[in-house]
Amino acid sequence: MKMIPLFKCRNLRQAVGFYTNVLDFRLKYPEETADDGVVNLISEFGELQLTAYENDRLFGSVVNVWVDDVDSRFTKYRSRGLDISGKKESPVHQGPTDQTWGTREFYVTDIDGNTLRFCQPLNS
């Protein structure tokens, strides 16, 4: 089974820019644009589909992304402009945090409420 999360976005052009310029995604089909209404992205983590969705009141999805080194990934994204000021009340959005369930994690939430949870086992 293969799962490809679909994130609903109010501003597809801005969302594509965020995922491709700040995070490590790239267009799966280079000919796709935000004007198509749906954009398929790929990265070392897998695939993600973004879609323009302006009228839904229920925004936001969550995806766990397992990586080898959450600390270096967080540092890389911060150097590219990842803004953590919008979630000051959430330590896991401020930087990698050791969780009681045995993982080290940080979260990135885009402007549409979609969250990528970057996770690494503590014993790795």
PDB file of N, CA and C in Angstrom:
ATOM      1  N   MET A   1       0.833  -1.173   0.000  1.00  0.00           N
ATOM      2  CA  MET A   1       0.000   0.000   0.000  1.00  0.00           C
ATOM      3  C   MET A   1       0.880   1.240   0.000  1.00  0.00           C
ATOM      4  N   LYS A   2       0.493   2.200  -0.779  1.00  0.00           N
ATOM      5  CA  LYS A   2       1.206   3.473  -0.834  1.00  0.00           C
ATOM      6  C   LYS A   2       0.228   4.574  -0.458  1.00  0.00           C
ATOM      7  N   MET A   3       0.645   5.421   0.448  1.00  0.00           N
ATOM      8  CA  MET A   3      -0.213   6.519   0.866  1.00  0.00           C
ATOM      9  C   MET A   3       0.429   7.842   0.448  1.00  0.00           C
ATOM     10  N   ILE A   4      -0.355   8.696  -0.183  1.00  0.00           N
ATOM     11  CA  ILE A   4       0.108  10.026  -0.570  1.00  0.00           C
ATOM     12  C   ILE A   4      -0.842  11.032   0.071  1.00  0.00           C
ATOM     13  N   PRO A   5      -0.354  11.761   1.066  1.00  0.00           N
ATOM     14  CA  PRO A   5      -1.225  12.747   1.708  1.00  0.00           C
ATOM     15  C   PRO A   5      -1.610  13.862   0.742  1.00  0.00           C
ATOM     16  N   LEU A   6      -2.805  14.388   0.935  1.00  0.00           N
ATOM     17  CA  LEU A   6      -3.309  15.508   0.165  1.00  0.00           C
ATOM     18  C   LEU A   6      -3.528  16.660   1.133  1.00  0.00           C
ATOM     19  N   PHE A   7      -2.855  17.772   0.888  1.00  0.00           N
ATOM     20  CA  PHE A   7      -3.012  18.966   1.703  1.00  0.00           C
ATOM     21  C   PHE A   7      -3.848  19.976   0.930  1.00  0.00           C
ATOM     22  N   LYS A   8      -4.901  20.482   1.581  1.00  0.00           N
ATOM     23  CA  LYS A   8      -5.754  21.515   0.995  1.00  0.00           C
ATOM     24  C   LYS A   8      -5.126  22.879   1.286  1.00  0.00           C
ATOM     25  N   CYS A   9      -5.020  23.706   0.270  1.00  0.00           N
ATOM     26  CA  CYS A   9      -4.317  24.980   0.406  1.00  0.00           C
ATOM     27  C   CYS A   9      -5.173  26.133  -0.089  1.00  0.00           C
ATOM     28  N   ARG A  10      -5.211  27.204   0.686  1.00  0.00           N
ATOM     29  CA  ARG A  10      -5.944  28.408   0.279  1.00  0.00           C
ATOM     30  C   ARG A  10      -5.214  29.150  -0.833  1.00  0.00           C
ATOM     31  N   ASN A  11      -3.883  29.132  -0.811  1.00  0.00           N
ATOM     32  CA  ASN A  11      -3.081  29.803  -1.822  1.00  0.00           C
ATOM     33  C   ASN A  11      -2.069  28.785  -2.348  1.00  0.00           C
ATOM     34  N   LEU A  12      -2.429  28.127  -3.421  1.00  0.00           N
ATOM     35  CA  LEU A  12      -1.612  27.033  -3.940  1.00  0.00           C
ATOM     36  C   LEU A  12      -0.231  27.507  -4.385  1.00  0.00           C
ATOM     37  N   ARG A  13      -0.170  28.653  -4.998  1.00  0.00           N
ATOM     38  CA  ARG A  13       1.123  29.183  -5.456  1.00  0.00           C
ATOM     39  C   ARG A  13       2.066  29.395  -4.256  1.00  0.00           C
ATOM     40  N   GLN A  14       1.551  29.972  -3.181  1.00  0.00           N
ATOM     41  CA  GLN A  14       2.358  30.200  -1.984  1.00  0.00           C
ATOM     42  C   GLN A  14       2.765  28.874  -1.336  1.00  0.00           C
ATOM     43  N   ALA A  15       1.857  27.914  -1.307  1.00  0.00           N
ATOM     44  CA  ALA A  15       2.155  26.608  -0.722  1.00  0.00           C
ATOM     45  C   ALA A  15       3.252  25.887  -1.505  1.00  0.00           C
ATOM     46  N   VAL A  16       3.158  25.903  -2.830  1.00  0.00           N
ATOM     47  CA  VAL A  16       4.190  25.264  -3.652  1.00  0.00           C
ATOM     48  C   VAL A  16       5.540  25.926  -3.397  1.00  0.00           C
ATOM     49  N   GLY A  17       5.564  27.234  -3.298  1.00  0.00           N
ATOM     50  CA  GLY A  17       6.804  27.946  -2.999  1.00  0.00           C
ATOM     51  C   GLY A  17       7.389  27.538  -1.666  1.00  0.00           C
ATOM     52  N   PHE A  18       6.547  27.405  -0.653  1.00  0.00           N
ATOM     53  CA  PHE A  18       7.017  27.000   0.676  1.00  0.00           C
ATOM     54  C   PHE A  18       7.642  25.608   0.648  1.00  0.00           C
ATOM     55  N   TYR A  19       6.941  24.651   0.065  1.00  0.00           N
ATOM     56  CA  TYR A  19       7.428  23.272   0.076  1.00  0.00           C
ATOM     57  C   TYR A  19       8.663  23.070  -0.812  1.00  0.00           C
ATOM     58  N   THR A  20       8.769  23.849  -1.888  1.00  0.00           N
ATOM     59  CA  THR A  20       9.915  23.661  -2.783  1.00  0.00           C
ATOM     60  C   THR A  20      11.095  24.555  -2.444  1.00  0.00           C
ATOM     61  N   ASN A  21      10.868  25.717  -1.850  1.00  0.00           N
ATOM     62  CA  ASN A  21      11.969  26.633  -1.534  1.00  0.00           C
ATOM     63  C   ASN A  21      12.513  26.487  -0.124  1.00  0.00           C
ATOM     64  N   VAL A  22      11.645  26.194   0.849  1.00  0.00           N
ATOM     65  CA  VAL A  22      12.083  26.077   2.240  1.00  0.00           C
ATOM     66  C   VAL A  22      12.339  24.619   2.601  1.00  0.00           C
ATOM     67  N   LEU A  23      11.394  23.748   2.258  1.00  0.00           N
ATOM     68  CA  LEU A  23      11.561  22.316   2.549  1.00  0.00           C
ATOM     69  C   LEU A  23      12.178  21.624   1.337  1.00  0.00           C
ATOM     70  N   ASP A  24      12.354  20.334   1.401  1.00  0.00           N
ATOM     71  CA  ASP A  24      13.104  19.603   0.375  1.00  0.00           C
ATOM     72  C   ASP A  24      12.234  18.951  -0.692  1.00  0.00           C
ATOM     73  N   PHE A  25      11.102  19.540  -1.029  1.00  0.00           N
ATOM     74  CA  PHE A  25      10.246  18.969  -2.059  1.00  0.00           C
ATOM     75  C   PHE A  25      10.567  19.572  -3.414  1.00  0.00           C
ATOM     76  N   ARG A  26      10.208  18.815  -4.463  1.00  0.00           N
ATOM     77  CA  ARG A  26      10.339  19.300  -5.830  1.00  0.00           C
ATOM     78  C   ARG A  26       9.119  18.796  -6.605  1.00  0.00           C
ATOM     79  N   LEU A  27       8.863  19.420  -7.735  1.00  0.00           N
ATOM     80  CA  LEU A  27       7.727  19.017  -8.545  1.00  0.00           C
ATOM     81  C   LEU A  27       7.947  17.616  -9.106  1.00  0.00           C
ATOM     82  N   LYS A  28       6.961  16.755  -8.945  1.00  0.00           N
ATOM     83  CA  LYS A  28       7.037  15.416  -9.524  1.00  0.00           C
ATOM     84  C   LYS A  28       6.906  15.507 -11.042  1.00  0.00           C
ATOM     85  N   TYR A  29       6.033  16.370 -11.490  1.00  0.00           N
ATOM     86  CA  TYR A  29       5.825  16.596 -12.921  1.00  0.00           C
ATOM     87  C   TYR A  29       6.171  18.060 -13.193  1.00  0.00           C
ATOM     88  N   PRO A  30       7.344  18.328 -13.745  1.00  0.00           N
ATOM     89  CA  PRO A  30       7.808  19.714 -13.925  1.00  0.00           C
ATOM     90  C   PRO A  30       6.842  20.616 -14.690  1.00  0.00           C
ATOM     91  N   GLU A  31       5.972  20.025 -15.486  1.00  0.00           N
ATOM     92  CA  GLU A  31       5.041  20.847 -16.259  1.00  0.00           C
ATOM     93  C   GLU A  31       3.851  21.335 -15.420  1.00  0.00           C
ATOM     94  N   GLU A  32       3.645  20.787 -14.229  1.00  0.00           N
ATOM     95  CA  GLU A  32       2.546  21.231 -13.377  1.00  0.00           C
ATOM     96  C   GLU A  32       2.819  22.619 -12.816  1.00  0.00           C
ATOM     97  N   THR A  33       1.742  23.390 -12.663  1.00  0.00           N
ATOM     98  CA  THR A  33       1.843  24.699 -12.020  1.00  0.00           C
ATOM     99  C   THR A  33       0.667  24.850 -11.060  1.00  0.00           C
ATOM    100  N   ALA A  34       0.745  25.870 -10.219  1.00  0.00           N
ATOM    101  CA  ALA A  34      -0.337  26.145  -9.283  1.00  0.00           C
ATOM    102  C   ALA A  34      -1.646  26.435 -10.017  1.00  0.00           C
ATOM    103  N   ASP A  35      -1.560  26.889 -11.261  1.00  0.00           N
ATOM    104  CA  ASP A  35      -2.766  27.167 -12.045  1.00  0.00           C
ATOM    105  C   ASP A  35      -3.557  25.903 -12.371  1.00  0.00           C
ATOM    106  N   ASP A  36      -2.918  24.732 -12.246  1.00  0.00           N
ATOM    107  CA  ASP A  36      -3.596  23.468 -12.521  1.00  0.00           C
ATOM    108  C   ASP A  36      -4.583  23.092 -11.417  1.00  0.00           C
ATOM    109  N   GLY A  37      -4.432  23.670 -10.236  1.00  0.00           N
ATOM    110  CA  GLY A  37      -5.323  23.335  -9.130  1.00  0.00           C
ATOM    111  C   GLY A  37      -4.842  22.191  -8.265  1.00  0.00           C
ATOM    112  N   VAL A  38      -3.949  21.371  -8.802  1.00  0.00           N
ATOM    113  CA  VAL A  38      -3.346  20.260  -8.068  1.00  0.00           C
ATOM    114  C   VAL A  38      -1.882  20.180  -8.473  1.00  0.00           C
ATOM    115  N   VAL A  39      -0.997  20.040  -7.476  1.00  0.00           N
ATOM    116  CA  VAL A  39       0.427  19.913  -7.747  1.00  0.00           C
ATOM    117  C   VAL A  39       0.957  18.721  -6.968  1.00  0.00           C
ATOM    118  N   ASN A  40       1.680  17.856  -7.634  1.00  0.00           N
ATOM    119  CA  ASN A  40       2.283  16.679  -7.017  1.00  0.00           C
ATOM    120  C   ASN A  40       3.743  16.972  -6.698  1.00  0.00           C
ATOM    121  N   LEU A  41       4.129  16.738  -5.452  1.00  0.00           N
ATOM    122  CA  LEU A  41       5.495  16.979  -5.008  1.00  0.00           C
ATOM    123  C   LEU A  41       6.138  15.679  -4.572  1.00  0.00           C
ATOM    124  N   ILE A  42       7.472  15.614  -4.690  1.00  0.00           N
ATOM    125  CA  ILE A  42       8.219  14.459  -4.215  1.00  0.00           C
ATOM    126  C   ILE A  42       9.435  14.947  -3.443  1.00  0.00           C
ATOM    127  N   SER A  43       9.929  14.070  -2.593  1.00  0.00           N
ATOM    128  CA  SER A  43      11.158  14.331  -1.838  1.00  0.00           C
ATOM    129  C   SER A  43      11.711  12.992  -1.406  1.00  0.00           C
ATOM    130  N   GLU A  44      12.766  13.026  -0.637  1.00  0.00           N
ATOM    131  CA  GLU A  44      13.323  11.778  -0.115  1.00  0.00           C
ATOM    132  C   GLU A  44      12.345  11.087   0.822  1.00  0.00           C
ATOM    133  N   PHE A  45      11.348  11.814   1.345  1.00  0.00           N
ATOM    134  CA  PHE A  45      10.381  11.253   2.287  1.00  0.00           C
ATOM    135  C   PHE A  45       9.276  10.485   1.587  1.00  0.00           C
ATOM    136  N   GLY A  46       8.938  10.898   0.378  1.00  0.00           N
ATOM    137  CA  GLY A  46       7.814  10.308  -0.328  1.00  0.00           C
ATOM    138  C   GLY A  46       7.135  11.349  -1.184  1.00  0.00           C
ATOM    139  N   GLU A  47       5.818  11.220  -1.289  1.00  0.00           N
ATOM    140  CA  GLU A  47       5.050  12.108  -2.142  1.00  0.00           C
ATOM    141  C   GLU A  47       4.023  12.888  -1.338  1.00  0.00           C
ATOM    142  N   LEU A  48       3.665  14.043  -1.863  1.00  0.00           N
ATOM    143  CA  LEU A  48       2.675  14.910  -1.260  1.00  0.00           C
ATOM    144  C   LEU A  48       1.923  15.591  -2.387  1.00  0.00           C
ATOM    145  N   GLN A  49       0.623  15.675  -2.249  1.00  0.00           N
ATOM    146  CA  GLN A  49      -0.178  16.350  -3.256  1.00  0.00           C
ATOM    147  C   GLN A  49      -0.823  17.578  -2.615  1.00  0.00           C
ATOM    148  N   LEU A  50      -0.672  18.718  -3.267  1.00  0.00           N
ATOM    149  CA  LEU A  50      -1.286  19.961  -2.809  1.00  0.00           C
ATOM    150  C   LEU A  50      -2.431  20.291  -3.751  1.00  0.00           C
ATOM    151  N   THR A  51      -3.535  20.749  -3.191  1.00  0.00           N
ATOM    152  CA  THR A  51      -4.668  21.102  -4.016  1.00  0.00           C
ATOM    153  C   THR A  51      -5.263  22.422  -3.547  1.00  0.00           C
ATOM    154  N   ALA A  52      -5.733  23.213  -4.501  1.00  0.00           N
ATOM    155  CA  ALA A  52      -6.408  24.468  -4.186  1.00  0.00           C
ATOM    156  C   ALA A  52      -7.788  24.124  -3.644  1.00  0.00           C
ATOM    157  N   TYR A  53      -8.088  24.656  -2.483  1.00  0.00           N
ATOM    158  CA  TYR A  53      -9.358  24.348  -1.838  1.00  0.00           C
ATOM    159  C   TYR A  53      -9.759  25.545  -1.011  1.00  0.00           C
ATOM    160  N   GLU A  54     -10.586  26.394  -1.560  1.00  0.00           N
ATOM    161  CA  GLU A  54     -10.870  27.679  -0.941  1.00  0.00           C
ATOM    162  C   GLU A  54     -12.096  27.704  -0.049  1.00  0.00           C
ATOM    163  N   ASN A  55     -13.006  26.772  -0.180  1.00  0.00           N
ATOM    164  CA  ASN A  55     -14.289  26.895   0.511  1.00  0.00           C
ATOM    165  C   ASN A  55     -14.488  25.934   1.678  1.00  0.00           C
ATOM    166  N   ASP A  56     -13.502  25.143   2.033  1.00  0.00           N
ATOM    167  CA  ASP A  56     -13.635  24.188   3.126  1.00  0.00           C
ATOM    168  C   ASP A  56     -13.229  24.856   4.436  1.00  0.00           C
ATOM    169  N   ARG A  57     -14.073  24.777   5.437  1.00  0.00           N
ATOM    170  CA  ARG A  57     -13.750  25.354   6.742  1.00  0.00           C
ATOM    171  C   ARG A  57     -12.824  24.454   7.545  1.00  0.00           C
ATOM    172  N   LEU A  58     -12.709  23.206   7.182  1.00  0.00           N
ATOM    173  CA  LEU A  58     -11.883  22.256   7.931  1.00  0.00           C
ATOM    174  C   LEU A  58     -10.558  22.069   7.218  1.00  0.00           C
ATOM    175  N   PHE A  59      -9.576  22.845   7.611  1.00  0.00           N
ATOM    176  CA  PHE A  59      -8.267  22.770   6.992  1.00  0.00           C
ATOM    177  C   PHE A  59      -7.317  22.022   7.897  1.00  0.00           C
ATOM    178  N   GLY A  60      -6.290  21.465   7.310  1.00  0.00           N
ATOM    179  CA  GLY A  60      -5.203  20.876   8.062  1.00  0.00           C
ATOM    180  C   GLY A  60      -5.188  19.366   8.034  1.00  0.00           C
ATOM    181  N   SER A  61      -4.026  18.839   7.737  1.00  0.00           N
ATOM    182  CA  SER A  61      -3.732  17.411   7.782  1.00  0.00           C
ATOM    183  C   SER A  61      -2.404  17.255   8.492  1.00  0.00           C
ATOM    184  N   VAL A  62      -2.118  16.040   8.938  1.00  0.00           N
ATOM    185  CA  VAL A  62      -0.858  15.760   9.631  1.00  0.00           C
ATOM    186  C   VAL A  62      -0.206  14.549   8.989  1.00  0.00           C
ATOM    187  N   VAL A  63       1.118  14.649   8.786  1.00  0.00           N
ATOM    188  CA  VAL A  63       1.884  13.539   8.236  1.00  0.00           C
ATOM    189  C   VAL A  63       3.136  13.367   9.085  1.00  0.00           C
ATOM    190  N   ASN A  64       3.432  12.138   9.496  1.00  0.00           N
ATOM    191  CA  ASN A  64       4.694  11.844  10.170  1.00  0.00           C
ATOM    192  C   ASN A  64       5.759  11.586   9.119  1.00  0.00           C
ATOM    193  N   VAL A  65       6.906  12.256   9.257  1.00  0.00           N
ATOM    194  CA  VAL A  65       8.020  12.113   8.324  1.00  0.00           C
ATOM    195  C   VAL A  65       9.218  11.605   9.124  1.00  0.00           C
ATOM    196  N   TRP A  66       9.612  10.361   8.892  1.00  0.00           N
ATOM    197  CA  TRP A  66      10.713   9.750   9.629  1.00  0.00           C
ATOM    198  C   TRP A  66      12.025  10.080   8.945  1.00  0.00           C
ATOM    199  N   VAL A  67      12.955  10.657   9.711  1.00  0.00           N
ATOM    200  CA  VAL A  67      14.253  11.071   9.187  1.00  0.00           C
ATOM    201  C   VAL A  67      15.358  10.551  10.097  1.00  0.00           C
ATOM    202  N   ASP A  68      16.600  10.595   9.611  1.00  0.00           N
ATOM    203  CA  ASP A  68      17.738  10.116  10.388  1.00  0.00           C
ATOM    204  C   ASP A  68      18.261  11.129  11.394  1.00  0.00           C
ATOM    205  N   ASP A  69      18.087  12.411  11.125  1.00  0.00           N
ATOM    206  CA  ASP A  69      18.661  13.442  11.999  1.00  0.00           C
ATOM    207  C   ASP A  69      17.748  14.662  12.008  1.00  0.00           C
ATOM    208  N   VAL A  70      16.833  14.718  12.986  1.00  0.00           N
ATOM    209  CA  VAL A  70      15.892  15.835  13.040  1.00  0.00           C
ATOM    210  C   VAL A  70      16.594  17.157  13.336  1.00  0.00           C
ATOM    211  N   ASP A  71      17.672  17.120  14.103  1.00  0.00           N
ATOM    212  CA  ASP A  71      18.354  18.363  14.463  1.00  0.00           C
ATOM    213  C   ASP A  71      18.967  19.051  13.245  1.00  0.00           C
ATOM    214  N   SER A  72      19.665  18.292  12.410  1.00  0.00           N
ATOM    215  CA  SER A  72      20.273  18.915  11.232  1.00  0.00           C
ATOM    216  C   SER A  72      19.210  19.371  10.238  1.00  0.00           C
ATOM    217  N   ARG A  73      18.125  18.637  10.140  1.00  0.00           N
ATOM    218  CA  ARG A  73      17.048  19.032   9.225  1.00  0.00           C
ATOM    219  C   ARG A  73      16.408  20.339   9.713  1.00  0.00           C
ATOM    220  N   PHE A  74      16.164  20.444  11.014  1.00  0.00           N
ATOM    221  CA  PHE A  74      15.591  21.677  11.561  1.00  0.00           C
ATOM    222  C   PHE A  74      16.518  22.863  11.296  1.00  0.00           C
ATOM    223  N   THR A  75      17.807  22.669  11.521  1.00  0.00           N
ATOM    224  CA  THR A  75      18.789  23.730  11.276  1.00  0.00           C
ATOM    225  C   THR A  75      18.770  24.156   9.817  1.00  0.00           C
ATOM    226  N   LYS A  76      18.686  23.191   8.910  1.00  0.00           N
ATOM    227  CA  LYS A  76      18.652  23.498   7.479  1.00  0.00           C
ATOM    228  C   LYS A  76      17.415  24.311   7.128  1.00  0.00           C
ATOM    229  N   TYR A  77      16.259  23.909   7.630  1.00  0.00           N
ATOM    230  CA  TYR A  77      15.030  24.620   7.303  1.00  0.00           C
ATOM    231  C   TYR A  77      15.021  26.029   7.899  1.00  0.00           C
ATOM    232  N   ARG A  78      15.570  26.186   9.100  1.00  0.00           N
ATOM    233  CA  ARG A  78      15.669  27.524   9.701  1.00  0.00           C
ATOM    234  C   ARG A  78      16.574  28.411   8.847  1.00  0.00           C
ATOM    235  N   SER A  79      17.667  27.850   8.323  1.00  0.00           N
ATOM    236  CA  SER A  79      18.576  28.659   7.494  1.00  0.00           C
ATOM    237  C   SER A  79      17.913  29.076   6.184  1.00  0.00           C
ATOM    238  N   ARG A  80      16.878  28.358   5.773  1.00  0.00           N
ATOM    239  CA  ARG A  80      16.149  28.685   4.537  1.00  0.00           C
ATOM    240  C   ARG A  80      14.955  29.601   4.789  1.00  0.00           C
ATOM    241  N   GLY A  81      14.763  29.980   6.033  1.00  0.00           N
ATOM    242  CA  GLY A  81      13.692  30.923   6.306  1.00  0.00           C
ATOM    243  C   GLY A  81      12.488  30.370   7.029  1.00  0.00           C
ATOM    244  N   LEU A  82      12.564  29.156   7.558  1.00  0.00           N
ATOM    245  CA  LEU A  82      11.445  28.612   8.320  1.00  0.00           C
ATOM    246  C   LEU A  82      11.161  29.530   9.507  1.00  0.00           C
ATOM    247  N   ASP A  83       9.952  30.053   9.563  1.00  0.00           N
ATOM    248  CA  ASP A  83       9.534  30.984  10.609  1.00  0.00           C
ATOM    249  C   ASP A  83       8.837  30.199  11.719  1.00  0.00           C
ATOM    250  N   ILE A  84       9.373  30.251  12.927  1.00  0.00           N
ATOM    251  CA  ILE A  84       8.789  29.522  14.049  1.00  0.00           C
ATOM    252  C   ILE A  84       8.020  30.442  14.994  1.00  0.00           C
ATOM    253  N   SER A  85       7.871  31.709  14.639  1.00  0.00           N
ATOM    254  CA  SER A  85       7.250  32.673  15.535  1.00  0.00           C
ATOM    255  C   SER A  85       5.743  32.473  15.709  1.00  0.00           C
ATOM    256  N   GLY A  86       5.094  31.816  14.779  1.00  0.00           N
ATOM    257  CA  GLY A  86       3.648  31.675  14.844  1.00  0.00           C
ATOM    258  C   GLY A  86       3.148  30.650  15.837  1.00  0.00           C
ATOM    259  N   LYS A  87       4.015  29.836  16.390  1.00  0.00           N
ATOM    260  CA  LYS A  87       3.599  28.772  17.316  1.00  0.00           C
ATOM    261  C   LYS A  87       4.443  28.826  18.584  1.00  0.00           C
ATOM    262  N   LYS A  88       4.593  30.004  19.171  1.00  0.00           N
ATOM    263  CA  LYS A  88       5.454  30.169  20.343  1.00  0.00           C
ATOM    264  C   LYS A  88       5.030  29.298  21.522  1.00  0.00           C
ATOM    265  N   GLU A  89       3.740  28.979  21.602  1.00  0.00           N
ATOM    266  CA  GLU A  89       3.232  28.162  22.702  1.00  0.00           C
ATOM    267  C   GLU A  89       3.515  26.673  22.525  1.00  0.00           C
ATOM    268  N   SER A  90       4.093  26.288  21.416  1.00  0.00           N
ATOM    269  CA  SER A  90       4.323  24.874  21.104  1.00  0.00           C
ATOM    270  C   SER A  90       5.814  24.580  21.015  1.00  0.00           C
ATOM    271  N   PRO A  91       6.400  24.005  22.077  1.00  0.00           N
ATOM    272  CA  PRO A  91       7.843  23.720  22.050  1.00  0.00           C
ATOM    273  C   PRO A  91       8.279  22.882  20.851  1.00  0.00           C
ATOM    274  N   VAL A  92       7.449  21.955  20.418  1.00  0.00           N
ATOM    275  CA  VAL A  92       7.826  21.071  19.318  1.00  0.00           C
ATOM    276  C   VAL A  92       7.848  21.816  17.981  1.00  0.00           C
ATOM    277  N   HIS A  93       7.222  22.987  17.901  1.00  0.00           N
ATOM    278  CA  HIS A  93       7.343  23.840  16.727  1.00  0.00           C
ATOM    279  C   HIS A  93       8.577  24.739  16.814  1.00  0.00           C
ATOM    280  N   GLN A  94       9.131  24.911  18.004  1.00  0.00           N
ATOM    281  CA  GLN A  94      10.279  25.787  18.217  1.00  0.00           C
ATOM    282  C   GLN A  94      11.604  25.089  17.927  1.00  0.00           C
ATOM    283  N   GLY A  95      11.606  23.763  17.968  1.00  0.00           N
ATOM    284  CA  GLY A  95      12.817  23.007  17.702  1.00  0.00           C
ATOM    285  C   GLY A  95      12.643  21.565  18.112  1.00  0.00           C
ATOM    286  N   PRO A  96      13.602  20.711  17.769  1.00  0.00           N
ATOM    287  CA  PRO A  96      13.505  19.298  18.111  1.00  0.00           C
ATOM    288  C   PRO A  96      13.331  19.089  19.618  1.00  0.00           C
ATOM    289  N   THR A  97      12.405  18.205  19.955  1.00  0.00           N
ATOM    290  CA  THR A  97      12.034  17.925  21.339  1.00  0.00           C
ATOM    291  C   THR A  97      12.004  16.420  21.557  1.00  0.00           C
ATOM    292  N   ASP A  98      12.589  15.971  22.662  1.00  0.00           N
ATOM    293  CA  ASP A  98      12.506  14.555  23.033  1.00  0.00           C
ATOM    294  C   ASP A  98      11.123  14.285  23.618  1.00  0.00           C
ATOM    295  N   GLN A  99      10.420  13.338  23.025  1.00  0.00           N
ATOM    296  CA  GLN A  99       9.070  13.001  23.478  1.00  0.00           C
ATOM    297  C   GLN A  99       9.117  11.793  24.415  1.00  0.00           C
ATOM    298  N   THR A 100       8.148  11.720  25.306  1.00  0.00           N
ATOM    299  CA  THR A 100       8.091  10.618  26.272  1.00  0.00           C
ATOM    300  C   THR A 100       7.834   9.277  25.599  1.00  0.00           C
ATOM    301  N   TRP A 101       7.333   9.272  24.383  1.00  0.00           N
ATOM    302  CA  TRP A 101       7.051   8.017  23.681  1.00  0.00           C
ATOM    303  C   TRP A 101       8.231   7.520  22.860  1.00  0.00           C
ATOM    304  N   GLY A 102       9.423   8.135  23.053  1.00  0.00           N
ATOM    305  CA  GLY A 102      10.638   7.575  22.477  1.00  0.00           C
ATOM    306  C   GLY A 102      11.087   8.140  21.154  1.00  0.00           C
ATOM    307  N   THR A 103      10.607   9.316  20.802  1.00  0.00           N
ATOM    308  CA  THR A 103      11.058   9.944  19.560  1.00  0.00           C
ATOM    309  C   THR A 103      11.536  11.361  19.845  1.00  0.00           C
ATOM    310  N   ARG A 104      12.358  11.859  18.934  1.00  0.00           N
ATOM    311  CA  ARG A 104      12.753  13.261  18.926  1.00  0.00           C
ATOM    312  C   ARG A 104      12.050  13.865  17.723  1.00  0.00           C
ATOM    313  N   GLU A 105      11.328  14.958  17.935  1.00  0.00           N
ATOM    314  CA  GLU A 105      10.460  15.484  16.886  1.00  0.00           C
ATOM    315  C   GLU A 105      10.494  17.004  16.832  1.00  0.00           C
ATOM    316  N   PHE A 106      10.211  17.528  15.637  1.00  0.00           N
ATOM    317  CA  PHE A 106       9.812  18.930  15.491  1.00  0.00           C
ATOM    318  C   PHE A 106       8.717  18.981  14.445  1.00  0.00           C
ATOM    319  N   TYR A 107       7.884  19.996  14.565  1.00  0.00           N
ATOM    320  CA  TYR A 107       6.744  20.130  13.670  1.00  0.00           C
ATOM    321  C   TYR A 107       6.875  21.390  12.830  1.00  0.00           C
ATOM    322  N   VAL A 108       6.414  21.287  11.593  1.00  0.00           N
ATOM    323  CA  VAL A 108       6.308  22.432  10.695  1.00  0.00           C
ATOM    324  C   VAL A 108       4.851  22.496  10.253  1.00  0.00           C
ATOM    325  N   THR A 109       4.209  23.609  10.532  1.00  0.00           N
ATOM    326  CA  THR A 109       2.817  23.799  10.128  1.00  0.00           C
ATOM    327  C   THR A 109       2.753  24.946   9.135  1.00  0.00           C
ATOM    328  N   ASP A 110       2.157  24.673   7.975  1.00  0.00           N
ATOM    329  CA  ASP A 110       2.072  25.712   6.955  1.00  0.00           C
ATOM    330  C   ASP A 110       0.895  26.654   7.229  1.00  0.00           C
ATOM    331  N   ILE A 111       0.714  27.638   6.388  1.00  0.00           N
ATOM    332  CA  ILE A 111      -0.305  28.652   6.636  1.00  0.00           C
ATOM    333  C   ILE A 111      -1.726  28.109   6.550  1.00  0.00           C
ATOM    334  N   ASP A 112      -1.903  26.905   5.999  1.00  0.00           N
ATOM    335  CA  ASP A 112      -3.223  26.295   5.895  1.00  0.00           C
ATOM    336  C   ASP A 112      -3.494  25.269   6.990  1.00  0.00           C
ATOM    337  N   GLY A 113      -2.581  25.164   7.975  1.00  0.00           N
ATOM    338  CA  GLY A 113      -2.793  24.252   9.092  1.00  0.00           C
ATOM    339  C   GLY A 113      -2.335  22.830   8.842  1.00  0.00           C
ATOM    340  N   ASN A 114      -1.642  22.576   7.749  1.00  0.00           N
ATOM    341  CA  ASN A 114      -1.087  21.252   7.478  1.00  0.00           C
ATOM    342  C   ASN A 114       0.235  21.114   8.228  1.00  0.00           C
ATOM    343  N   THR A 115       0.419  19.996   8.929  1.00  0.00           N
ATOM    344  CA  THR A 115       1.603  19.822   9.758  1.00  0.00           C
ATOM    345  C   THR A 115       2.414  18.615   9.317  1.00  0.00           C
ATOM    346  N   LEU A 116       3.706  18.851   9.138  1.00  0.00           N
ATOM    347  CA  LEU A 116       4.675  17.777   8.932  1.00  0.00           C
ATOM    348  C   LEU A 116       5.369  17.564  10.271  1.00  0.00           C
ATOM    349  N   ARG A 117       5.286  16.333  10.793  1.00  0.00           N
ATOM    350  CA  ARG A 117       5.955  15.975  12.025  1.00  0.00           C
ATOM    351  C   ARG A 117       7.224  15.223  11.671  1.00  0.00           C
ATOM    352  N   PHE A 118       8.372  15.888  11.817  1.00  0.00           N
ATOM    353  CA  PHE A 118       9.642  15.253  11.532  1.00  0.00           C
ATOM    354  C   PHE A 118      10.056  14.464  12.776  1.00  0.00           C
ATOM    355  N   CYS A 119      10.234  13.152  12.623  1.00  0.00           N
ATOM    356  CA  CYS A 119      10.429  12.244  13.744  1.00  0.00           C
ATOM    357  C   CYS A 119      11.697  11.407  13.566  1.00  0.00           C
ATOM    358  N   GLN A 120      12.323  11.107  14.702  1.00  0.00           N
ATOM    359  CA  GLN A 120      13.504  10.240  14.730  1.00  0.00           C
ATOM    360  C   GLN A 120      13.450   9.445  16.031  1.00  0.00           C
ATOM    361  N   PRO A 121      13.676   8.130  15.983  1.00  0.00           N
ATOM    362  CA  PRO A 121      13.714   7.366  17.228  1.00  0.00           C
ATOM    363  C   PRO A 121      14.830   7.869  18.129  1.00  0.00           C
ATOM    364  N   LEU A 122      14.577   7.952  19.428  1.00  0.00           N
ATOM    365  CA  LEU A 122      15.603   8.435  20.358  1.00  0.00           C
ATOM    366  C   LEU A 122      16.806   7.509  20.439  1.00  0.00           C
ATOM    367  N   ASN A 123      16.622   6.239  20.210  1.00  0.00           N
ATOM    368  CA  ASN A 123      17.735   5.282  20.340  1.00  0.00           C
ATOM    369  C   ASN A 123      18.551   5.122  19.063  1.00  0.00           C
ATOM    370  N   SER A 124      18.366   6.032  18.093  1.00  0.00           N
ATOM    371  CA  SER A 124      19.146   5.901  16.839  1.00  0.00           C
ATOM    372  C   SER A 124      20.398   6.724  16.874  1.00  0.00           C
TER     373      SER A 124
END
